[in-house]
Amino acid sequence: MKRSLLAAAALTAFAGVASAQSSVNIGGIIDLAARSVKNPGGTIRTLSPEGMQSNRFIVRAVEDLGGGMRASFWLEAAIAPDTGGGSANVTPGATPGGLTWTRRSTVSLSGGWGEIRLGRDYTPTFWTHTLFDPFNTVGVAAQTNLITPTGSPATTVVRADNMIGYFLPGGLGGIYGQFNVAAGEGTTGNKYIGGRIGYAAGPLNVAFAYGITDKTGTMVDDLKAWNFGGSYNLGFATIITQYHSYKYNGRELKNAVIGGTVPFGANTLKLTYARSGDFRAATQLGLGYQYDLSKRTALYSNFSRVNNKRGSGFVASASGRAPTAAQIANGFNSTGYEFGIRHSF
């Protein structure tokens, strides 16, 4: 999936980085799908990015400092191969932008004691979302279709800027975890604290995460998020489940997901059922099929149907037509399907 950057000497940014004790690598994912989303206002068909995995371009390096110590950096940019832009969501007709390293931009120091990581990265709670979702939180069947806390101004639901994180070392009998804090630096919704603890051994993987984003001028209280995820490999299939809660503005959005994957040869079947409750109620059924042409290239097809109760406005994909206030008030269904190809390098 990754290649040594043999032309590093020709790139000023990386000149002199590579040595006998260090390495610079590039890698990434290109994923595009023909997608159709039907909402009450009609059907919109698009060529959309990210039906199976998020598009990204990665540059990273690791230097061996000796004595088991390593220094590293990781730069990860979102890309939109449907438009050639440097963002996964480019408005149709808009001029594509350049690369920005907003997916991840970190520098780390690690050793037998763990890892200290500085920069922009996933929050602990989002790690649970993406690791315990057969659809990797992308595409028409992503379980995040029912969890985005609409109305919250917090910017730390998926990633946080200005983070300092500590990650537990390996070799702890399957236990893993992290603790993160992010300085607000005067930016609304950026001050954050959270952590994650998990256990992975044999066929079992479970994790719990919690995070708080300080309230802003438009919120009556802090945004508090916690979730639990688990998976168990039965051999012929892997069962996956997750539960999460977002509390903000005196309300709580709860969501439960159960699903699984069934691999057979080069094929994989995927299935999820998700349900959100309390002030925004909806259900989602997701079905998927993946065929691996190689270790790096796969064809796939996904389908989902979201059923909203009155007052809920969840959709199978933001690529579809936005529902009106009247449609949300009455409740509506959203259906999406896609056929795509994913290539990693």
Protein backbone atom coordinates (compact mmCIF):
# COMPACT_ATOMS: atom_id res chain seq x y z
CA MET A 1 0.00 0.00 0.00
CA LYS A 2 2.93 2.30 0.45
CA ARG A 3 6.09 2.99 -1.58
CA SER A 4 9.41 4.52 -0.63
CA LEU A 5 9.67 8.06 -1.91
CA LEU A 6 12.64 7.42 -4.19
CA ALA A 7 12.50 10.94 -5.56
CA ALA A 8 12.83 12.53 -2.11
CA ALA A 9 16.09 14.20 -3.10
CA ALA A 10 14.26 16.06 -5.87
CA LEU A 11 11.64 17.40 -3.48
CA THR A 12 12.85 20.34 -1.44
CA ALA A 13 10.43 19.57 1.39
CA PHE A 14 11.99 16.17 1.95
CA ALA A 15 15.60 16.84 1.01
CA GLY A 16 17.98 15.17 3.38
CA VAL A 17 15.23 13.35 5.32
CA ALA A 18 15.88 9.81 4.16
CA SER A 19 18.84 8.04 5.74
CA ALA A 20 19.88 4.62 6.94
CA GLN A 21 17.87 5.12 10.11
CA SER A 22 14.80 6.80 8.59
CA SER A 23 12.24 6.36 5.83
CA VAL A 24 9.77 8.56 3.98
CA ASN A 25 6.72 6.90 2.41
CA ILE A 26 3.72 7.90 0.36
CA GLY A 27 0.39 6.13 0.09
CA GLY A 28 -3.30 6.69 -0.19
CA ILE A 29 -6.71 5.62 -1.45
CA ILE A 30 -8.71 6.52 -4.56
CA ASP A 31 -12.41 5.61 -4.29
CA LEU A 32 -15.23 6.65 -6.65
CA ALA A 33 -18.81 5.44 -7.00
CA ALA A 34 -21.80 6.03 -9.27
CA ARG A 35 -24.45 6.97 -6.69
CA SER A 36 -28.19 7.56 -6.67
CA VAL A 37 -30.06 9.05 -3.70
CA LYS A 38 -33.85 9.38 -3.63
CA ASN A 39 -35.39 11.84 -1.16
CA PRO A 40 -38.92 13.36 -1.16
CA GLY A 41 -37.81 16.17 -3.46
CA GLY A 42 -36.58 13.77 -6.14
CA THR A 43 -33.59 11.68 -7.16
CA ILE A 44 -30.05 12.96 -7.67
CA ARG A 45 -27.43 10.84 -9.44
CA THR A 46 -23.77 11.65 -8.95
CA LEU A 47 -20.26 10.37 -9.34
CA SER A 48 -19.28 10.63 -5.71
CA PRO A 49 -16.11 9.98 -3.71
CA GLU A 50 -15.89 7.60 -0.78
CA GLY A 51 -18.34 4.75 -1.17
CA MET A 52 -16.08 2.18 0.49
CA GLN A 53 -13.19 4.13 2.05
CA SER A 54 -12.24 7.78 2.45
CA ASN A 55 -10.05 9.21 -0.32
CA ARG A 56 -6.68 10.35 0.98
CA PHE A 57 -3.10 11.16 0.08
CA ILE A 58 -0.54 10.34 2.79
CA VAL A 59 3.06 11.39 3.32
CA ARG A 60 4.72 10.01 6.43
CA ALA A 61 8.17 9.35 7.84
CA VAL A 62 9.73 7.43 10.72
CA GLU A 63 13.23 7.97 12.13
CA ASP A 64 14.94 5.48 14.42
CA LEU A 65 16.54 7.46 17.26
CA GLY A 66 18.10 4.41 18.89
CA GLY A 67 17.33 2.79 22.22
CA GLY A 68 13.83 1.89 21.02
CA MET A 69 12.89 5.55 20.43
CA ARG A 70 11.34 6.76 17.17
CA ALA A 71 10.32 10.14 15.78
CA SER A 72 7.68 10.39 13.07
CA PHE A 73 5.28 12.64 11.22
CA TRP A 74 2.05 11.92 9.35
CA LEU A 75 0.44 14.26 6.80
CA GLU A 76 -2.89 13.13 5.36
CA ALA A 77 -4.91 15.18 2.86
CA ALA A 78 -8.48 14.67 1.70
CA ILE A 79 -8.82 14.43 -2.08
CA ALA A 80 -11.80 14.48 -4.46
CA PRO A 81 -10.91 12.42 -7.55
CA ASP A 82 -14.31 13.14 -9.15
CA THR A 83 -13.30 16.81 -9.57
CA GLY A 84 -9.54 16.74 -9.07
CA GLY A 85 -9.90 18.88 -5.97
CA GLY A 86 -8.21 18.71 -2.61
CA SER A 87 -11.41 18.03 -0.68
CA ALA A 88 -13.75 15.09 -0.36
CA ASN A 89 -16.81 17.32 -0.76
CA VAL A 90 -16.46 19.82 -3.59
CA THR A 91 -19.60 21.77 -4.55
CA PRO A 92 -20.65 20.92 -8.13
CA GLY A 93 -19.43 23.61 -10.50
CA ALA A 94 -16.97 25.05 -7.99
CA THR A 95 -13.27 25.39 -8.75
CA PRO A 96 -11.35 22.48 -7.16
CA GLY A 97 -9.04 23.55 -4.35
CA GLY A 98 -5.54 22.42 -3.50
CA LEU A 99 -4.38 19.88 -0.95
CA THR A 100 -4.72 20.70 2.73
CA TRP A 101 -3.63 18.26 5.41
CA THR A 102 -6.89 18.40 7.36
CA ARG A 103 -7.47 14.67 7.63
CA ARG A 104 -4.37 14.30 9.81
CA SER A 105 -1.26 16.35 10.48
CA THR A 106 0.78 15.05 13.42
CA VAL A 107 4.30 14.69 14.74
CA SER A 108 5.12 11.94 17.25
CA LEU A 109 7.71 10.59 19.62
CA SER A 110 7.34 6.93 20.61
CA GLY A 111 9.07 4.15 22.46
CA GLY A 112 8.45 1.27 24.81
CA TRP A 113 6.52 3.64 27.06
CA GLY A 114 3.94 4.53 24.37
CA GLU A 115 3.51 7.47 21.99
CA ILE A 116 3.13 11.22 22.39
CA ARG A 117 1.33 12.65 19.35
CA LEU A 118 0.81 16.36 18.57
CA GLY A 119 -1.44 17.94 15.94
CA ARG A 120 -4.78 17.35 14.21
CA ASP A 121 -6.25 13.85 14.41
CA TYR A 122 -9.39 11.79 15.03
CA THR A 123 -11.07 12.21 18.40
CA PRO A 124 -11.20 9.07 20.59
CA THR A 125 -14.97 8.69 20.12
CA PHE A 126 -14.75 8.81 16.34
CA TRP A 127 -12.22 5.97 16.38
CA THR A 128 -14.98 3.81 17.83
CA HIS A 129 -17.42 4.95 15.14
CA THR A 130 -15.17 4.06 12.22
CA LEU A 131 -13.55 0.87 13.58
CA PHE A 132 -16.88 -0.75 14.46
CA ASP A 133 -18.77 0.01 11.25
CA PRO A 134 -18.68 -2.53 8.37
CA PHE A 135 -19.00 0.44 5.97
CA ASN A 136 -16.12 2.48 7.47
CA THR A 137 -18.42 5.48 8.15
CA VAL A 138 -18.56 6.33 4.42
CA GLY A 139 -21.01 5.74 1.59
CA VAL A 140 -24.79 5.45 1.49
CA ALA A 141 -24.87 2.78 4.23
CA ALA A 142 -22.53 4.46 6.74
CA GLN A 143 -23.85 4.31 10.29
CA THR A 144 -22.84 7.95 10.72
CA ASN A 145 -25.84 8.82 8.53
CA LEU A 146 -27.84 8.62 11.78
CA ILE A 147 -25.42 10.09 14.29
CA THR A 148 -24.36 13.54 13.11
CA PRO A 149 -25.50 15.91 15.90
CA THR A 150 -27.20 18.53 13.71
CA GLY A 151 -27.47 21.86 15.48
CA SER A 152 -24.25 21.46 17.42
CA PRO A 153 -21.55 24.02 16.53
CA ALA A 154 -18.79 21.85 17.94
CA THR A 155 -15.97 21.10 15.51
CA THR A 156 -14.58 18.11 17.41
CA VAL A 157 -17.12 15.39 16.54
CA VAL A 158 -14.73 13.76 14.03
CA ARG A 159 -11.37 15.51 14.46
CA ALA A 160 -9.81 18.10 16.72
CA ASP A 161 -7.13 20.71 16.06
CA ASN A 162 -4.26 21.52 18.42
CA MET A 163 -4.37 18.12 20.14
CA ILE A 164 -1.86 16.55 22.47
CA GLY A 165 -2.36 12.80 22.77
CA TYR A 166 -0.83 9.90 24.65
CA PHE A 167 -1.22 6.35 23.28
CA LEU A 168 -0.53 3.21 25.30
CA PRO A 169 2.28 0.96 24.04
CA GLY A 170 1.69 -2.49 22.60
CA GLY A 171 2.42 -5.63 24.54
CA LEU A 172 -0.09 -4.96 27.34
CA GLY A 173 -1.96 -8.22 26.90
CA GLY A 174 -4.35 -6.84 24.30
CA ILE A 175 -5.14 -3.59 26.12
CA TYR A 176 -4.95 -0.39 24.06
CA GLY A 177 -5.97 3.19 24.70
CA GLN A 178 -5.35 6.90 24.35
CA PHE A 179 -5.94 10.22 26.10
CA ASN A 180 -6.30 13.53 24.24
CA VAL A 181 -6.64 17.21 25.09
CA ALA A 182 -7.05 20.08 22.62
CA ALA A 183 -6.58 23.78 23.27
CA GLY A 184 -9.41 25.99 22.08
CA GLU A 185 -7.01 28.81 21.10
CA GLY A 186 -9.95 31.19 20.96
CA THR A 187 -11.86 29.14 18.35
CA THR A 188 -15.48 28.25 19.03
CA GLY A 189 -16.04 24.56 19.67
CA ASN A 190 -12.36 23.57 19.59
CA LYS A 191 -11.55 23.00 23.28
CA TYR A 192 -11.71 19.25 23.84
CA ILE A 193 -10.78 16.44 26.24
CA GLY A 194 -11.36 12.74 25.71
CA GLY A 195 -10.03 9.21 25.93
CA ARG A 196 -10.47 5.64 24.75
CA ILE A 197 -9.72 2.24 26.29
CA GLY A 198 -10.03 -1.10 24.55
CA TYR A 199 -9.12 -4.77 24.51
CA ALA A 200 -8.26 -6.79 21.40
CA ALA A 201 -7.15 -10.42 21.61
CA GLY A 202 -8.00 -13.39 19.43
CA PRO A 203 -11.45 -12.97 17.87
CA LEU A 204 -12.61 -10.28 20.32
CA ASN A 205 -12.22 -6.49 20.08
CA VAL A 206 -14.07 -4.08 22.38
CA ALA A 207 -13.59 -0.37 23.14
CA PHE A 208 -15.15 2.45 25.15
CA ALA A 209 -14.57 6.17 24.47
CA TYR A 210 -15.65 9.47 26.02
CA GLY A 211 -15.17 13.09 25.04
CA ILE A 212 -16.25 16.61 26.06
CA THR A 213 -16.21 19.74 23.94
CA ASP A 214 -16.59 22.96 25.95
CA LYS A 215 -19.83 24.82 25.37
CA THR A 216 -19.88 27.81 23.06
CA GLY A 217 -21.97 30.97 22.99
CA THR A 218 -24.82 29.15 21.21
CA MET A 219 -24.86 26.07 23.48
CA VAL A 220 -26.49 25.78 26.88
CA ASP A 221 -24.05 23.09 28.01
CA ASP A 222 -20.99 21.14 26.90
CA LEU A 223 -21.17 18.61 24.08
CA LYS A 224 -20.69 15.23 25.79
CA ALA A 225 -20.15 12.13 23.69
CA TRP A 226 -19.54 8.53 24.69
CA ASN A 227 -19.74 5.24 22.84
CA PHE A 228 -19.04 1.55 23.08
CA GLY A 229 -18.11 -0.76 20.23
CA GLY A 230 -17.39 -4.45 19.90
CA SER A 231 -16.69 -7.12 17.30
CA TYR A 232 -16.30 -10.89 17.42
CA ASN A 233 -14.87 -13.06 14.65
CA LEU A 234 -16.78 -16.33 14.39
CA GLY A 235 -14.57 -17.58 11.58
CA PHE A 236 -17.23 -17.60 8.89
CA ALA A 237 -18.46 -14.11 9.86
CA THR A 238 -17.65 -11.15 12.12
CA ILE A 239 -20.40 -9.70 14.29
CA ILE A 240 -20.12 -5.94 14.93
CA THR A 241 -22.10 -3.74 17.30
CA GLN A 242 -21.96 -0.19 18.61
CA TYR A 243 -23.90 2.18 20.86
CA HIS A 244 -23.36 5.92 21.25
CA SER A 245 -24.79 8.98 22.96
CA TYR A 246 -24.43 12.71 22.16
CA LYS A 247 -25.71 15.20 24.75
CA TYR A 248 -25.90 18.91 23.90
CA ASN A 249 -28.29 21.84 24.21
CA GLY A 250 -30.31 19.96 26.83
CA ARG A 251 -31.00 17.07 24.44
CA GLU A 252 -29.60 13.59 23.82
CA LEU A 253 -29.20 11.68 20.58
CA LYS A 254 -28.84 7.93 21.07
CA ASN A 255 -27.91 5.42 18.40
CA ALA A 256 -27.49 1.65 18.34
CA VAL A 257 -25.98 -0.37 15.49
CA ILE A 258 -25.69 -4.09 14.89
CA GLY A 259 -24.20 -5.65 11.79
CA GLY A 260 -21.54 -7.88 10.42
CA THR A 261 -19.38 -9.03 7.54
CA VAL A 262 -19.32 -12.44 5.84
CA PRO A 263 -16.20 -13.13 3.75
CA PHE A 264 -16.01 -16.02 1.28
CA GLY A 265 -13.11 -16.20 -1.12
CA ALA A 266 -12.62 -12.82 -2.77
CA ASN A 267 -16.15 -11.79 -1.77
CA THR A 268 -17.48 -10.00 1.33
CA LEU A 269 -21.10 -9.38 2.28
CA LYS A 270 -21.93 -6.52 4.69
CA LEU A 271 -25.07 -5.83 6.69
CA THR A 272 -26.06 -3.24 9.30
CA TYR A 273 -29.21 -2.14 11.08
CA ALA A 274 -29.09 1.16 12.96
CA ARG A 275 -31.63 2.96 15.12
CA SER A 276 -31.55 6.50 16.53
CA GLY A 277 -33.87 7.58 19.30
CA ASP A 278 -35.12 10.38 21.54
CA PHE A 279 -35.49 13.81 19.94
CA ARG A 280 -34.55 12.55 16.44
CA ALA A 281 -35.88 9.06 15.64
CA ALA A 282 -34.97 7.04 12.55
CA THR A 283 -33.84 3.61 11.38
CA GLN A 284 -31.42 2.57 8.64
CA LEU A 285 -30.89 -0.74 6.87
CA GLY A 286 -27.59 -1.11 5.01
CA LEU A 287 -26.49 -3.86 2.61
CA GLY A 288 -23.16 -4.14 0.84
CA TYR A 289 -21.11 -6.41 -1.40
CA GLN A 290 -17.36 -6.23 -2.05
CA TYR A 291 -15.28 -8.17 -4.58
CA ASP A 292 -11.49 -8.01 -4.23
CA LEU A 293 -9.73 -8.00 -7.60
CA SER A 294 -6.42 -7.90 -5.69
CA LYS A 295 -5.10 -6.86 -2.28
CA ARG A 296 -5.24 -3.22 -3.42
CA THR A 297 -8.24 -3.03 -5.76
CA ALA A 298 -11.89 -3.84 -5.07
CA LEU A 299 -15.29 -3.45 -6.71
CA TYR A 300 -18.30 -2.80 -4.47
CA SER A 301 -21.99 -2.06 -4.32
CA ASN A 302 -23.95 -0.63 -1.36
CA PHE A 303 -27.63 0.01 -0.64
CA SER A 304 -29.41 1.71 2.26
CA ARG A 305 -32.87 2.87 3.26
CA VAL A 306 -33.45 5.44 6.01
CA ASN A 307 -36.91 5.72 7.59
CA ASN A 308 -37.44 8.99 9.45
CA LYS A 309 -40.14 9.59 11.99
CA ARG A 310 -41.67 13.05 12.27
CA GLY A 311 -39.12 15.70 13.07
CA SER A 312 -36.09 13.74 11.79
CA GLY A 313 -34.15 14.67 8.67
CA PHE A 314 -31.54 11.93 8.21
CA VAL A 315 -30.64 10.99 4.64
CA ALA A 316 -28.78 8.12 2.98
CA SER A 317 -26.16 10.56 1.69
CA ALA A 318 -25.51 14.30 1.61
CA SER A 319 -25.19 13.81 -2.17
CA GLY A 320 -29.01 13.73 -2.33
CA ARG A 321 -31.54 16.54 -2.40
CA ALA A 322 -31.93 18.26 0.99
CA PRO A 323 -35.38 17.71 2.55
CA THR A 324 -37.59 20.70 3.26
CA ALA A 325 -38.80 21.72 6.71
CA ALA A 326 -42.29 20.43 5.87
CA GLN A 327 -40.93 17.04 4.79
CA ILE A 328 -38.91 16.75 7.98
CA ALA A 329 -41.96 17.67 10.06
CA ASN A 330 -44.02 14.92 8.40
CA GLY A 331 -41.32 12.24 8.29
CA PHE A 332 -39.90 10.75 5.09
CA ASN A 333 -37.82 7.92 3.62
CA SER A 334 -34.42 8.23 1.96
CA THR A 335 -32.98 5.54 -0.32
CA GLY A 336 -29.48 5.32 -1.72
CA TYR A 337 -27.41 2.91 -3.77
CA GLU A 338 -23.95 3.04 -5.35
CA PHE A 339 -21.52 1.02 -7.46
CA GLY A 340 -17.83 1.83 -7.22
CA ILE A 341 -14.16 0.93 -7.33
CA ARG A 342 -11.52 1.43 -4.64
CA HIS A 343 -7.77 1.37 -5.26
CA SER A 344 -5.11 1.77 -2.59
CA PHE A 345 -1.47 2.57 -3.22
